[in-house]
Every structure is written in structure tokens, then in C-alpha cells.
Amino acid sequence: MYAYNLICFDILDNSDGQGSYMYRWTAAMRNSIIKYWQYAVIFILLHAFLTSIILINYHK
């Protein structure tokens, strides 16, 4: 949630400029993902690791 919120708030803060709304939104999204990709990858891997541990222990 932390990485998702960082990306979302950065998109909302940086979606101003010239052009259509869709162009501004996609440009802001691209820049935000480039800026915060490490957080997203770390939290996705951590979530997958913890979920696999829980499922392994549940099925014993």
C-alpha cells in the first residue's frame, strides 16, 4: 500500500501541464513508476514471500 500510495499521490500532484488529460495522466504515471519502481518491486516480492510462507505453513 505504501508504494501504491507514493505512486498515486505523485501522479495526482504531477498531472498538470499541456495537452489532453489522458496524455498528462499517462506521462505522470510513467514518471512516477520510473521514480518509485524500487519500492513497488520490493513490496511485491515481500508480499509474495510472506504469502508463500503462510500458505506453506497452512497446508502442513
C-alpha atoms as a PDB file:
ATOM      1  CA  MET A   1       0.000   0.000   0.000  1.00  0.00           C
ATOM      2  CA  TYR A   2       2.873   2.354   0.770  1.00  0.00           C
ATOM      3  CA  ALA A   3       4.410   2.073  -2.703  1.00  0.00           C
ATOM      4  CA  TYR A   4       0.984   2.277  -4.332  1.00  0.00           C
ATOM      5  CA  ASN A   5       0.168   5.452  -2.391  1.00  0.00           C
ATOM      6  CA  LEU A   6       3.512   7.029  -3.277  1.00  0.00           C
ATOM      7  CA  ILE A   7       2.896   6.408  -6.959  1.00  0.00           C
ATOM      8  CA  CYS A   8      -0.750   7.535  -6.855  1.00  0.00           C
ATOM      9  CA  PHE A   9      -0.083  10.758  -4.980  1.00  0.00           C
ATOM     10  CA  ASP A  10       2.836  11.566  -7.245  1.00  0.00           C
ATOM     11  CA  ILE A  11       0.601  11.039 -10.285  1.00  0.00           C
ATOM     12  CA  LEU A  12      -2.055  13.327  -8.834  1.00  0.00           C
ATOM     13  CA  ASP A  13       0.481  16.002  -7.968  1.00  0.00           C
ATOM     14  CA  ASN A  14       2.156  15.945 -11.383  1.00  0.00           C
ATOM     15  CA  SER A  15      -0.775  15.578 -13.774  1.00  0.00           C
ATOM     16  CA  ASP A  16      -0.791  19.261 -14.707  1.00  0.00           C
ATOM     17  CA  GLY A  17       0.598  20.671 -17.928  1.00  0.00           C
ATOM     18  CA  GLN A  18      -0.373  21.000 -21.543  1.00  0.00           C
ATOM     19  CA  GLY A  19      -2.245  18.502 -23.662  1.00  0.00           C
ATOM     20  CA  SER A  20      -5.199  16.267 -23.052  1.00  0.00           C
ATOM     21  CA  TYR A  21      -5.925  14.844 -19.629  1.00  0.00           C
ATOM     22  CA  MET A  22      -5.096  11.292 -20.774  1.00  0.00           C
ATOM     23  CA  TYR A  23      -1.690  12.377 -22.097  1.00  0.00           C
ATOM     24  CA  ARG A  24      -0.866  14.248 -18.873  1.00  0.00           C
ATOM     25  CA  TRP A  25      -2.027  11.317 -16.743  1.00  0.00           C
ATOM     26  CA  THR A  26       0.000   8.725 -18.661  1.00  0.00           C
ATOM     27  CA  ALA A  27       3.084  10.954 -18.618  1.00  0.00           C
ATOM     28  CA  ALA A  28       2.737  11.481 -14.857  1.00  0.00           C
ATOM     29  CA  MET A  29       2.164   7.747 -14.340  1.00  0.00           C
ATOM     30  CA  ARG A  30       5.243   6.838 -16.373  1.00  0.00           C
ATOM     31  CA  ASN A  31       7.407   9.324 -14.462  1.00  0.00           C
ATOM     32  CA  SER A  32       6.068   8.140 -11.095  1.00  0.00           C
ATOM     33  CA  ILE A  33       6.656   4.475 -11.850  1.00  0.00           C
ATOM     34  CA  ILE A  34      10.190   5.250 -13.010  1.00  0.00           C
ATOM     35  CA  LYS A  35      10.735   7.264  -9.825  1.00  0.00           C
ATOM     36  CA  TYR A  36       9.330   4.652  -7.377  1.00  0.00           C
ATOM     37  CA  TRP A  37       9.870   1.317  -9.143  1.00  0.00           C
ATOM     38  CA  GLN A  38      12.215   0.056  -6.412  1.00  0.00           C
ATOM     39  CA  TYR A  39       9.555   0.435  -3.711  1.00  0.00           C
ATOM     40  CA  ALA A  40       6.967  -1.355  -5.816  1.00  0.00           C
ATOM     41  CA  VAL A  41       9.250  -4.293  -6.657  1.00  0.00           C
ATOM     42  CA  ILE A  42      10.437  -4.697  -3.055  1.00  0.00           C
ATOM     43  CA  PHE A  43       6.916  -4.701  -1.655  1.00  0.00           C
ATOM     44  CA  ILE A  44       5.596  -7.087  -4.334  1.00  0.00           C
ATOM     45  CA  LEU A  45       8.409  -9.549  -3.609  1.00  0.00           C
ATOM     46  CA  LEU A  46       7.928  -9.196   0.140  1.00  0.00           C
ATOM     47  CA  HIS A  47       4.202  -9.832  -0.251  1.00  0.00           C
ATOM     48  CA  ALA A  48       4.810 -12.910  -2.413  1.00  0.00           C
ATOM     49  CA  PHE A  49       7.359 -14.260   0.084  1.00  0.00           C
ATOM     50  CA  LEU A  50       5.107 -13.772   3.112  1.00  0.00           C
ATOM     51  CA  THR A  51       2.080 -15.220   1.305  1.00  0.00           C
ATOM     52  CA  SER A  52       4.053 -18.305   0.293  1.00  0.00           C
ATOM     53  CA  ILE A  53       5.239 -18.839   3.878  1.00  0.00           C
ATOM     54  CA  ILE A  54       1.678 -18.554   5.168  1.00  0.00           C
ATOM     55  CA  LEU A  55       0.329 -20.964   2.548  1.00  0.00           C
ATOM     56  CA  ILE A  56       3.121 -23.494   3.130  1.00  0.00           C
ATOM     57  CA  ASN A  57       2.532 -23.476   6.878  1.00  0.00           C
ATOM     58  CA  TYR A  58      -1.247 -23.642   6.440  1.00  0.00           C
ATOM     59  CA  HIS A  59      -1.087 -26.793   4.293  1.00  0.00           C
ATOM     60  CA  LYS A  60       1.149 -28.789   6.658  1.00  0.00           C
END
